[in-house]
Each structure stands twice: as structure tokens, then as C-alpha cells.
Amino acid sequence: MQIRKDAKAFQDQKRRAEKAEARVRELEGKPKPADPEKGGEALSNLTKRVVRAELAGLGIKDQAEQDFVIAAATRLGIEPSAAATDEIVAAKLEKMREAKATKEATPPPNKGGRNAKPQKNAWDMTDEEFQRERSRVMSGRA
């Protein structure tokens, strides 16, 4: 009787050990999360806020610019503050700012956008359509 209990306990322990070993093998195959201190992907919310505040203190306040600096820091394996002062990253930020300034300075088109109605040619209109269009234009409702 005691031998059966011991054998059953041994089998249970053996199954648990096999499951644990399988789990260890499964976890060994997965990549480990990146270290947040080295600019890795697994930044906590607090760390993200601190990094963004630090970048804002360095004069990088635009969301797209901050995202670019953080991504560059991750690729280079350095701190985001060090990436912000890097010559190449700074040059790219300057180009991004110039492009944004140009885009903001360019006025939107008045007519001819995707919602513009195609204008009818007078030769393609019926006499009634032409008279209505003529009266609309002449009355100043164009």
C-alpha cells in the first residue's frame, strides 16, 4: 500500500518536472524584453513620460520629432538624450522642421480639390441648363 502511494507521488512529481522543463525550453526560445535603460522597446509609461519630458527640455516638443529621436536611440543603442544631440539625428530633425514649416506655410487649394464639381462646358448643356447657368452667373450667385 505504501509502495503504491510512493509510486503515485513519484509519477506526479515526474509529470510536474516534465511540464516545468517544457516551459523552460519554451521560454528560452523567446527573445527577452529589451532593457528600458538602454532605449529598448519595453519602455514603461513612466519611463516614456520621463524621456519625453527630457526631450522637451532639449527643445524637441513635436510628437513626430520625439518619436523619431526615440526610434533613433533604439537603433543606435544609446540614450534618447544622447541621440538628440547626435549630429546626424539633429540634421534630420532640422529637415523635418523645415518640411513642416513649408507645409504649414503653403495655403490649401481653393478650388479643384477632390470635392470640386466638374464644370460643364456650355456646348454640352441643353438650352434650359445654359439659361439657368447664365442667369446664375449674371446674378452673382456663381
C-alpha atoms as a PDB file:
ATOM      1  CA  MET A   1       0.000   0.000   0.000  1.00  0.00           C
ATOM      2  CA  GLN A   2       2.734   2.420   0.956  1.00  0.00           C
ATOM      3  CA  ILE A   3       4.667   1.443  -2.154  1.00  0.00           C
ATOM      4  CA  ARG A   4       1.719   2.384  -4.378  1.00  0.00           C
ATOM      5  CA  LYS A   5       1.415   5.812  -2.716  1.00  0.00           C
ATOM      6  CA  ASP A   6       5.139   6.393  -3.170  1.00  0.00           C
ATOM      7  CA  ALA A   7       4.972   5.308  -6.825  1.00  0.00           C
ATOM      8  CA  LYS A   8       1.999   7.601  -7.458  1.00  0.00           C
ATOM      9  CA  ALA A   9       3.753  10.524  -5.771  1.00  0.00           C
ATOM     10  CA  PHE A  10       6.832   9.792  -7.874  1.00  0.00           C
ATOM     11  CA  GLN A  11       4.777   9.806 -11.090  1.00  0.00           C
ATOM     12  CA  ASP A  12       3.065  13.099 -10.122  1.00  0.00           C
ATOM     13  CA  GLN A  13       6.404  14.692  -9.326  1.00  0.00           C
ATOM     14  CA  LYS A  14       7.853  13.389 -12.596  1.00  0.00           C
ATOM     15  CA  ARG A  15       4.946  14.905 -14.612  1.00  0.00           C
ATOM     16  CA  ARG A  16       5.343  18.273 -12.872  1.00  0.00           C
ATOM     17  CA  ALA A  17       9.079  18.259 -13.572  1.00  0.00           C
ATOM     18  CA  GLU A  18       8.494  17.437 -17.248  1.00  0.00           C
ATOM     19  CA  LYS A  19       5.968  20.275 -17.546  1.00  0.00           C
ATOM     20  CA  ALA A  20       8.376  22.698 -15.883  1.00  0.00           C
ATOM     21  CA  GLU A  21      11.231  21.635 -18.184  1.00  0.00           C
ATOM     22  CA  ALA A  22       8.997  22.049 -21.242  1.00  0.00           C
ATOM     23  CA  ARG A  23       8.041  25.526 -20.052  1.00  0.00           C
ATOM     24  CA  VAL A  24      11.706  26.452 -19.559  1.00  0.00           C
ATOM     25  CA  ARG A  25      12.547  25.248 -23.084  1.00  0.00           C
ATOM     26  CA  GLU A  26       9.614  27.271 -24.433  1.00  0.00           C
ATOM     27  CA  LEU A  27      10.735  30.447 -22.664  1.00  0.00           C
ATOM     28  CA  GLU A  28      14.359  30.017 -23.723  1.00  0.00           C
ATOM     29  CA  GLY A  29      13.317  30.249 -27.376  1.00  0.00           C
ATOM     30  CA  LYS A  30      11.545  33.594 -26.905  1.00  0.00           C
ATOM     31  CA  PRO A  31      13.531  36.848 -27.125  1.00  0.00           C
ATOM     32  CA  LYS A  32      13.957  38.657 -23.851  1.00  0.00           C
ATOM     33  CA  PRO A  33      12.361  42.100 -23.469  1.00  0.00           C
ATOM     34  CA  ALA A  34      14.743  44.965 -24.142  1.00  0.00           C
ATOM     35  CA  ASP A  35      16.216  46.878 -21.241  1.00  0.00           C
ATOM     36  CA  PRO A  36      14.369  50.225 -20.833  1.00  0.00           C
ATOM     37  CA  GLU A  37      17.551  51.886 -19.564  1.00  0.00           C
ATOM     38  CA  LYS A  38      19.210  51.300 -22.936  1.00  0.00           C
ATOM     39  CA  GLY A  39      16.385  52.776 -25.014  1.00  0.00           C
ATOM     40  CA  GLY A  40      14.702  49.436 -25.651  1.00  0.00           C
ATOM     41  CA  GLU A  41      11.167  48.793 -26.861  1.00  0.00           C
ATOM     42  CA  ALA A  42       9.775  47.822 -23.465  1.00  0.00           C
ATOM     43  CA  LEU A  43       9.599  51.319 -22.016  1.00  0.00           C
ATOM     44  CA  SER A  44       7.192  51.670 -19.159  1.00  0.00           C
ATOM     45  CA  ASN A  45       4.703  54.536 -19.191  1.00  0.00           C
ATOM     46  CA  LEU A  46       6.643  56.404 -16.538  1.00  0.00           C
ATOM     47  CA  THR A  47       9.908  55.962 -18.405  1.00  0.00           C
ATOM     48  CA  LYS A  48       8.247  57.155 -21.625  1.00  0.00           C
ATOM     49  CA  ARG A  49       6.981  60.270 -19.866  1.00  0.00           C
ATOM     50  CA  VAL A  50      10.406  60.980 -18.392  1.00  0.00           C
ATOM     51  CA  VAL A  51      12.093  60.541 -21.787  1.00  0.00           C
ATOM     52  CA  ARG A  52       9.535  62.802 -23.497  1.00  0.00           C
ATOM     53  CA  ALA A  53       9.960  65.446 -20.791  1.00  0.00           C
ATOM     54  CA  GLU A  54      13.722  65.255 -21.193  1.00  0.00           C
ATOM     55  CA  LEU A  55      13.404  65.674 -24.970  1.00  0.00           C
ATOM     56  CA  ALA A  56      11.024  68.612 -24.465  1.00  0.00           C
ATOM     57  CA  GLY A  57      13.677  70.177 -22.234  1.00  0.00           C
ATOM     58  CA  LEU A  58      16.149  69.793 -25.087  1.00  0.00           C
ATOM     59  CA  GLY A  59      13.766  71.691 -27.399  1.00  0.00           C
ATOM     60  CA  ILE A  60      12.191  68.714 -29.139  1.00  0.00           C
ATOM     61  CA  LYS A  61       8.497  69.266 -28.450  1.00  0.00           C
ATOM     62  CA  ASP A  62       6.777  67.897 -31.556  1.00  0.00           C
ATOM     63  CA  GLN A  63       5.373  64.361 -31.167  1.00  0.00           C
ATOM     64  CA  ALA A  64       6.762  63.159 -34.516  1.00  0.00           C
ATOM     65  CA  GLU A  65      10.218  64.533 -33.697  1.00  0.00           C
ATOM     66  CA  GLN A  66      10.215  62.857 -30.284  1.00  0.00           C
ATOM     67  CA  ASP A  67       9.158  59.544 -31.843  1.00  0.00           C
ATOM     68  CA  PHE A  68      11.980  59.864 -34.384  1.00  0.00           C
ATOM     69  CA  VAL A  69      14.591  60.553 -31.676  1.00  0.00           C
ATOM     70  CA  ILE A  70      13.385  57.624 -29.543  1.00  0.00           C
ATOM     71  CA  ALA A  71      13.475  55.300 -32.567  1.00  0.00           C
ATOM     72  CA  ALA A  72      16.964  56.526 -33.493  1.00  0.00           C
ATOM     73  CA  ALA A  73      18.156  55.965 -29.925  1.00  0.00           C
ATOM     74  CA  THR A  74      16.777  52.431 -30.031  1.00  0.00           C
ATOM     75  CA  ARG A  75      18.520  51.705 -33.349  1.00  0.00           C
ATOM     76  CA  LEU A  76      21.807  53.218 -32.152  1.00  0.00           C
ATOM     77  CA  GLY A  77      21.593  51.599 -28.706  1.00  0.00           C
ATOM     78  CA  ILE A  78      22.093  54.889 -26.848  1.00  0.00           C
ATOM     79  CA  GLU A  79      20.039  57.081 -24.546  1.00  0.00           C
ATOM     80  CA  PRO A  80      17.430  59.312 -26.236  1.00  0.00           C
ATOM     81  CA  SER A  81      19.091  62.440 -24.827  1.00  0.00           C
ATOM     82  CA  ALA A  82      22.389  61.384 -26.421  1.00  0.00           C
ATOM     83  CA  ALA A  83      20.610  60.634 -29.704  1.00  0.00           C
ATOM     84  CA  ALA A  84      19.043  64.109 -29.651  1.00  0.00           C
ATOM     85  CA  THR A  85      22.483  65.709 -29.567  1.00  0.00           C
ATOM     86  CA  ASP A  86      23.907  63.422 -32.281  1.00  0.00           C
ATOM     87  CA  GLU A  87      24.886  65.342 -35.453  1.00  0.00           C
ATOM     88  CA  ILE A  88      23.048  63.058 -37.873  1.00  0.00           C
ATOM     89  CA  VAL A  89      19.862  62.963 -35.801  1.00  0.00           C
ATOM     90  CA  ALA A  90      19.996  66.742 -35.318  1.00  0.00           C
ATOM     91  CA  ALA A  91      20.343  67.249 -39.081  1.00  0.00           C
ATOM     92  CA  LYS A  92      17.336  65.010 -39.742  1.00  0.00           C
ATOM     93  CA  LEU A  93      15.318  66.914 -37.112  1.00  0.00           C
ATOM     94  CA  GLU A  94      16.198  70.184 -38.846  1.00  0.00           C
ATOM     95  CA  LYS A  95      14.992  68.802 -42.182  1.00  0.00           C
ATOM     96  CA  MET A  96      11.769  67.604 -40.532  1.00  0.00           C
ATOM     97  CA  ARG A  97      11.209  71.092 -39.095  1.00  0.00           C
ATOM     98  CA  GLU A  98      11.833  72.754 -42.460  1.00  0.00           C
ATOM     99  CA  ALA A  99       9.400  70.398 -44.193  1.00  0.00           C
ATOM    100  CA  LYS A 100       6.770  71.061 -41.539  1.00  0.00           C
ATOM    101  CA  ALA A 101       7.251  74.832 -41.830  1.00  0.00           C
ATOM    102  CA  THR A 102       6.915  74.632 -45.615  1.00  0.00           C
ATOM    103  CA  LYS A 103       3.775  72.540 -45.349  1.00  0.00           C
ATOM    104  CA  GLU A 104       2.218  74.938 -42.848  1.00  0.00           C
ATOM    105  CA  ALA A 105       3.148  77.966 -44.983  1.00  0.00           C
ATOM    106  CA  THR A 106       1.587  76.569 -48.146  1.00  0.00           C
ATOM    107  CA  PRO A 107      -2.096  77.537 -48.387  1.00  0.00           C
ATOM    108  CA  PRO A 108      -4.619  74.880 -49.261  1.00  0.00           C
ATOM    109  CA  PRO A 109      -6.068  74.953 -52.771  1.00  0.00           C
ATOM    110  CA  ASN A 110      -9.270  76.969 -53.124  1.00  0.00           C
ATOM    111  CA  LYS A 111     -10.847  75.002 -55.932  1.00  0.00           C
ATOM    112  CA  GLY A 112     -10.003  71.863 -57.752  1.00  0.00           C
ATOM    113  CA  GLY A 113      -9.833  69.671 -54.676  1.00  0.00           C
ATOM    114  CA  ARG A 114     -11.368  66.257 -54.633  1.00  0.00           C
ATOM    115  CA  ASN A 115     -14.780  67.703 -53.712  1.00  0.00           C
ATOM    116  CA  ALA A 116     -14.838  70.177 -56.591  1.00  0.00           C
ATOM    117  CA  LYS A 117     -17.671  69.711 -59.047  1.00  0.00           C
ATOM    118  CA  PRO A 118     -16.648  69.241 -62.652  1.00  0.00           C
ATOM    119  CA  GLN A 119     -17.659  72.273 -64.682  1.00  0.00           C
ATOM    120  CA  LYS A 120     -19.909  71.705 -67.654  1.00  0.00           C
ATOM    121  CA  ASN A 121     -18.943  73.024 -70.997  1.00  0.00           C
ATOM    122  CA  ALA A 122     -21.531  75.412 -72.491  1.00  0.00           C
ATOM    123  CA  TRP A 123     -21.592  73.353 -75.674  1.00  0.00           C
ATOM    124  CA  ASP A 124     -22.611  70.215 -73.757  1.00  0.00           C
ATOM    125  CA  MET A 125     -25.557  71.867 -71.964  1.00  0.00           C
ATOM    126  CA  THR A 126     -29.126  71.905 -73.083  1.00  0.00           C
ATOM    127  CA  ASP A 127     -30.696  75.302 -73.755  1.00  0.00           C
ATOM    128  CA  GLU A 128     -32.525  75.219 -70.400  1.00  0.00           C
ATOM    129  CA  GLU A 129     -29.345  74.340 -68.467  1.00  0.00           C
ATOM    130  CA  PHE A 130     -27.453  77.076 -70.300  1.00  0.00           C
ATOM    131  CA  GLN A 131     -30.092  79.708 -69.470  1.00  0.00           C
ATOM    132  CA  ARG A 132     -30.115  78.667 -65.773  1.00  0.00           C
ATOM    133  CA  GLU A 133     -26.305  78.750 -65.589  1.00  0.00           C
ATOM    134  CA  ARG A 134     -26.189  82.113 -67.401  1.00  0.00           C
ATOM    135  CA  SER A 135     -28.740  83.665 -65.040  1.00  0.00           C
ATOM    136  CA  ARG A 136     -26.914  82.251 -62.012  1.00  0.00           C
ATOM    137  CA  VAL A 137     -23.582  83.693 -63.160  1.00  0.00           C
ATOM    138  CA  MET A 138     -25.055  87.054 -64.163  1.00  0.00           C
ATOM    139  CA  SER A 139     -26.888  87.433 -60.830  1.00  0.00           C
ATOM    140  CA  GLY A 140     -23.637  86.953 -58.901  1.00  0.00           C
ATOM    141  CA  ARG A 141     -24.553  83.604 -57.327  1.00  0.00           C
ATOM    142  CA  ALA A 142     -21.669  81.823 -59.003  1.00  0.00           C
END
